N, C-alpha and C. Protein backbone atom coordinates (compact mmCIF):
# COMPACT_ATOMS: atom_id res chain seq x y z
N MET A 1 0.82 -1.28 -0.07
CA MET A 1 0.00 0.14 0.07
C MET A 1 0.89 1.25 0.03
N ASP A 2 0.58 2.09 -0.92
CA ASP A 2 1.51 3.27 -1.06
C ASP A 2 1.16 4.35 -0.01
N GLU A 3 1.83 5.43 0.14
CA GLU A 3 1.62 6.32 1.22
C GLU A 3 0.27 7.19 1.06
N LEU A 4 -0.06 7.40 -0.05
CA LEU A 4 -1.29 8.39 -0.44
C LEU A 4 -2.47 7.30 -0.04
N THR A 5 -2.50 6.00 -0.42
CA THR A 5 -3.53 5.18 -0.18
C THR A 5 -3.80 4.73 1.25
N ARG A 6 -2.73 4.96 2.00
CA ARG A 6 -2.80 4.62 3.43
C ARG A 6 -3.15 5.90 4.20
N LYS A 7 -2.93 7.08 3.50
CA LYS A 7 -3.39 8.34 4.29
C LYS A 7 -4.75 8.60 4.04
N ILE A 8 -5.34 8.17 2.79
CA ILE A 8 -6.79 8.03 2.40
C ILE A 8 -7.56 7.25 3.38
N PHE A 9 -7.07 5.97 3.56
CA PHE A 9 -7.69 4.94 4.36
C PHE A 9 -7.65 5.40 5.68
N GLU A 10 -6.73 6.02 6.26
CA GLU A 10 -6.71 6.60 7.67
C GLU A 10 -7.72 7.62 7.88
N THR A 11 -7.74 8.58 6.73
CA THR A 11 -8.83 9.55 6.78
C THR A 11 -10.24 9.05 6.82
N PHE A 12 -10.50 7.97 6.11
CA PHE A 12 -11.90 7.54 6.02
C PHE A 12 -12.22 6.78 7.53
N GLN A 13 -10.95 6.39 8.06
CA GLN A 13 -11.30 5.75 9.42
C GLN A 13 -11.69 6.87 10.47
N LEU A 14 -11.00 7.90 10.26
CA LEU A 14 -11.25 8.88 11.06
C LEU A 14 -12.82 9.34 11.13
N PHE A 15 -13.39 9.43 9.83
CA PHE A 15 -14.84 9.75 9.57
C PHE A 15 -15.78 8.85 10.11
N ARG A 16 -15.21 7.63 10.12
CA ARG A 16 -15.97 6.43 10.61
C ARG A 16 -16.40 6.45 12.37
N LYS A 17 -15.40 7.21 12.74
CA LYS A 17 -15.49 7.24 14.31
C LYS A 17 -16.24 8.67 14.71
N ILE A 18 -16.69 9.37 13.90
CA ILE A 18 -17.45 10.60 14.32
C ILE A 18 -18.80 10.32 14.49
N HIS A 19 -19.44 10.54 15.72
CA HIS A 19 -20.80 10.45 15.87
C HIS A 19 -21.64 11.46 15.47
N MET A 20 -22.33 11.31 14.41
CA MET A 20 -23.08 12.28 13.68
C MET A 20 -24.18 13.05 14.67
N TYR A 21 -24.66 12.33 15.50
CA TYR A 21 -25.74 12.73 16.39
C TYR A 21 -25.21 14.08 17.12
N VAL A 22 -23.92 14.25 17.27
CA VAL A 22 -23.58 15.37 18.26
C VAL A 22 -23.44 16.63 17.39
N LEU A 23 -23.71 16.60 15.95
CA LEU A 23 -23.86 17.79 15.11
C LEU A 23 -25.13 18.17 15.00
N LEU A 24 -26.19 17.59 15.71
CA LEU A 24 -27.49 17.90 15.68
C LEU A 24 -27.88 18.82 16.77
N PRO A 25 -29.07 19.65 16.77
CA PRO A 25 -29.22 20.63 17.68
C PRO A 25 -29.43 19.90 18.99
N GLU A 26 -29.19 20.79 19.94
CA GLU A 26 -29.18 20.44 21.37
C GLU A 26 -30.46 19.85 21.98
N ASN A 27 -31.66 20.19 21.42
CA ASN A 27 -32.82 19.80 21.73
C ASN A 27 -33.34 18.30 21.25
N LEU A 28 -32.40 17.92 20.35
CA LEU A 28 -32.59 16.47 19.93
C LEU A 28 -31.86 15.61 20.67
N SER A 29 -32.30 14.61 21.11
CA SER A 29 -31.50 13.53 21.88
C SER A 29 -30.87 12.55 21.34
N ARG A 30 -30.06 11.86 21.58
CA ARG A 30 -29.42 10.71 20.85
C ARG A 30 -30.64 9.50 20.44
N ASN A 31 -31.30 9.25 21.43
CA ASN A 31 -32.53 8.27 21.20
C ASN A 31 -33.26 8.86 19.98
N GLU A 32 -33.62 9.98 20.00
CA GLU A 32 -34.37 10.58 18.90
C GLU A 32 -33.80 10.62 17.50
N TYR A 33 -32.56 10.83 17.59
CA TYR A 33 -31.73 10.76 16.21
C TYR A 33 -31.67 9.43 15.94
N PHE A 34 -31.68 8.29 16.79
CA PHE A 34 -31.58 6.87 16.12
C PHE A 34 -32.98 6.60 15.73
N THR A 35 -34.02 7.05 16.41
CA THR A 35 -35.46 6.86 16.05
C THR A 35 -35.64 7.39 14.50
N LEU A 36 -35.08 8.73 14.33
CA LEU A 36 -35.29 9.16 13.00
C LEU A 36 -34.37 8.43 11.97
N MET A 37 -33.26 7.90 12.25
CA MET A 37 -32.49 7.31 11.44
C MET A 37 -33.16 5.98 11.08
N SER A 38 -33.78 5.33 12.18
CA SER A 38 -34.48 3.95 11.91
C SER A 38 -35.62 4.14 10.94
N ILE A 39 -36.21 5.11 11.19
CA ILE A 39 -37.59 5.54 10.16
C ILE A 39 -37.17 5.55 8.77
N GLU A 40 -36.02 6.53 8.78
CA GLU A 40 -35.55 6.51 7.25
C GLU A 40 -35.06 5.29 6.63
N HIS A 41 -34.31 4.56 7.29
CA HIS A 41 -34.08 3.26 7.13
C HIS A 41 -35.15 2.27 6.73
N LEU A 42 -36.10 2.40 7.30
CA LEU A 42 -37.31 1.53 6.87
C LEU A 42 -37.87 2.07 5.97
N ARG A 43 -38.06 3.52 5.77
CA ARG A 43 -38.77 3.90 4.73
C ARG A 43 -38.16 3.59 3.12
N SER A 44 -36.65 3.52 3.28
CA SER A 44 -36.15 3.46 2.03
C SER A 44 -36.33 1.95 1.72
N GLN A 45 -36.59 0.81 2.68
CA GLN A 45 -36.76 -0.62 2.27
C GLN A 45 -38.25 -0.78 1.90
N GLN A 46 -39.30 0.11 2.37
CA GLN A 46 -40.51 -0.11 1.88
C GLN A 46 -41.03 0.43 0.48
N GLN A 47 -41.83 -0.31 -0.08
CA GLN A 47 -42.38 -0.11 -1.37
C GLN A 47 -43.22 1.19 -1.31
N GLU A 48 -44.12 1.23 -0.46
CA GLU A 48 -45.05 2.43 -0.28
C GLU A 48 -44.75 3.29 0.71
N GLY A 49 -43.66 3.17 1.51
CA GLY A 49 -43.24 4.19 2.47
C GLY A 49 -43.80 4.29 3.60
N HIS A 50 -44.72 3.24 4.00
CA HIS A 50 -45.28 3.06 5.23
C HIS A 50 -44.61 2.57 6.23
N VAL A 51 -44.36 3.05 7.39
CA VAL A 51 -43.52 2.59 8.49
C VAL A 51 -44.49 2.72 9.67
N SER A 52 -44.52 1.62 10.48
CA SER A 52 -45.47 1.44 11.61
C SER A 52 -44.51 1.47 12.83
N ILE A 53 -45.19 1.82 14.10
CA ILE A 53 -44.55 1.68 15.22
C ILE A 53 -43.72 0.44 15.84
N SER A 54 -44.50 -0.57 15.36
CA SER A 54 -44.18 -2.05 15.67
C SER A 54 -42.65 -2.22 14.94
N MET A 55 -42.73 -1.68 13.54
CA MET A 55 -41.49 -1.87 12.83
C MET A 55 -40.31 -1.05 13.25
N ILE A 56 -40.53 0.02 13.86
CA ILE A 56 -39.43 0.82 14.43
C ILE A 56 -39.03 0.21 15.70
N ALA A 57 -40.06 -0.26 16.56
CA ALA A 57 -39.55 -0.76 17.96
C ALA A 57 -38.72 -2.22 17.57
N LYS A 58 -39.21 -2.98 16.60
CA LYS A 58 -38.30 -3.90 16.15
C LYS A 58 -36.98 -3.74 15.80
N ILE A 59 -36.80 -2.95 15.03
CA ILE A 59 -35.45 -2.41 14.70
C ILE A 59 -34.35 -1.88 15.70
N LEU A 60 -35.16 -1.11 16.54
CA LEU A 60 -34.48 -0.38 17.61
C LEU A 60 -34.31 -1.53 18.91
N HIS A 61 -34.99 -2.57 18.90
CA HIS A 61 -34.95 -3.51 19.85
C HIS A 61 -35.66 -3.02 21.27
N VAL A 62 -36.69 -2.23 21.16
CA VAL A 62 -37.34 -1.72 22.19
C VAL A 62 -38.78 -2.20 22.18
N SER A 63 -39.59 -1.92 23.24
CA SER A 63 -40.93 -2.24 23.28
C SER A 63 -41.75 -1.17 22.39
N THR A 64 -42.94 -1.42 22.13
CA THR A 64 -43.79 -0.47 21.27
C THR A 64 -44.01 0.68 22.02
N PRO A 65 -44.46 0.57 23.32
CA PRO A 65 -44.76 1.93 24.00
C PRO A 65 -43.58 2.75 24.20
N ALA A 66 -42.19 2.10 24.18
CA ALA A 66 -41.15 3.02 24.31
C ALA A 66 -40.83 3.90 22.92
N VAL A 67 -41.38 3.47 21.92
CA VAL A 67 -41.13 4.33 20.60
C VAL A 67 -42.47 5.47 20.50
N SER A 68 -43.44 4.97 20.93
CA SER A 68 -44.65 5.88 20.90
C SER A 68 -44.46 6.88 22.07
């Protein structure tokens, strides 16, 4: 691996370590961020874009009342 390739790889590794939720407004908690990301992930997988509470709870590994 040449020097340039190694530096590019190291740079990508640094970006991987960034927690994107810290860049969000202070009034949005980490749990809310992950819930929003889960909703977007589920929407991208669904044909009609419908996402239910139970689907979100399943992907987050929490109970349904915890999501709602």
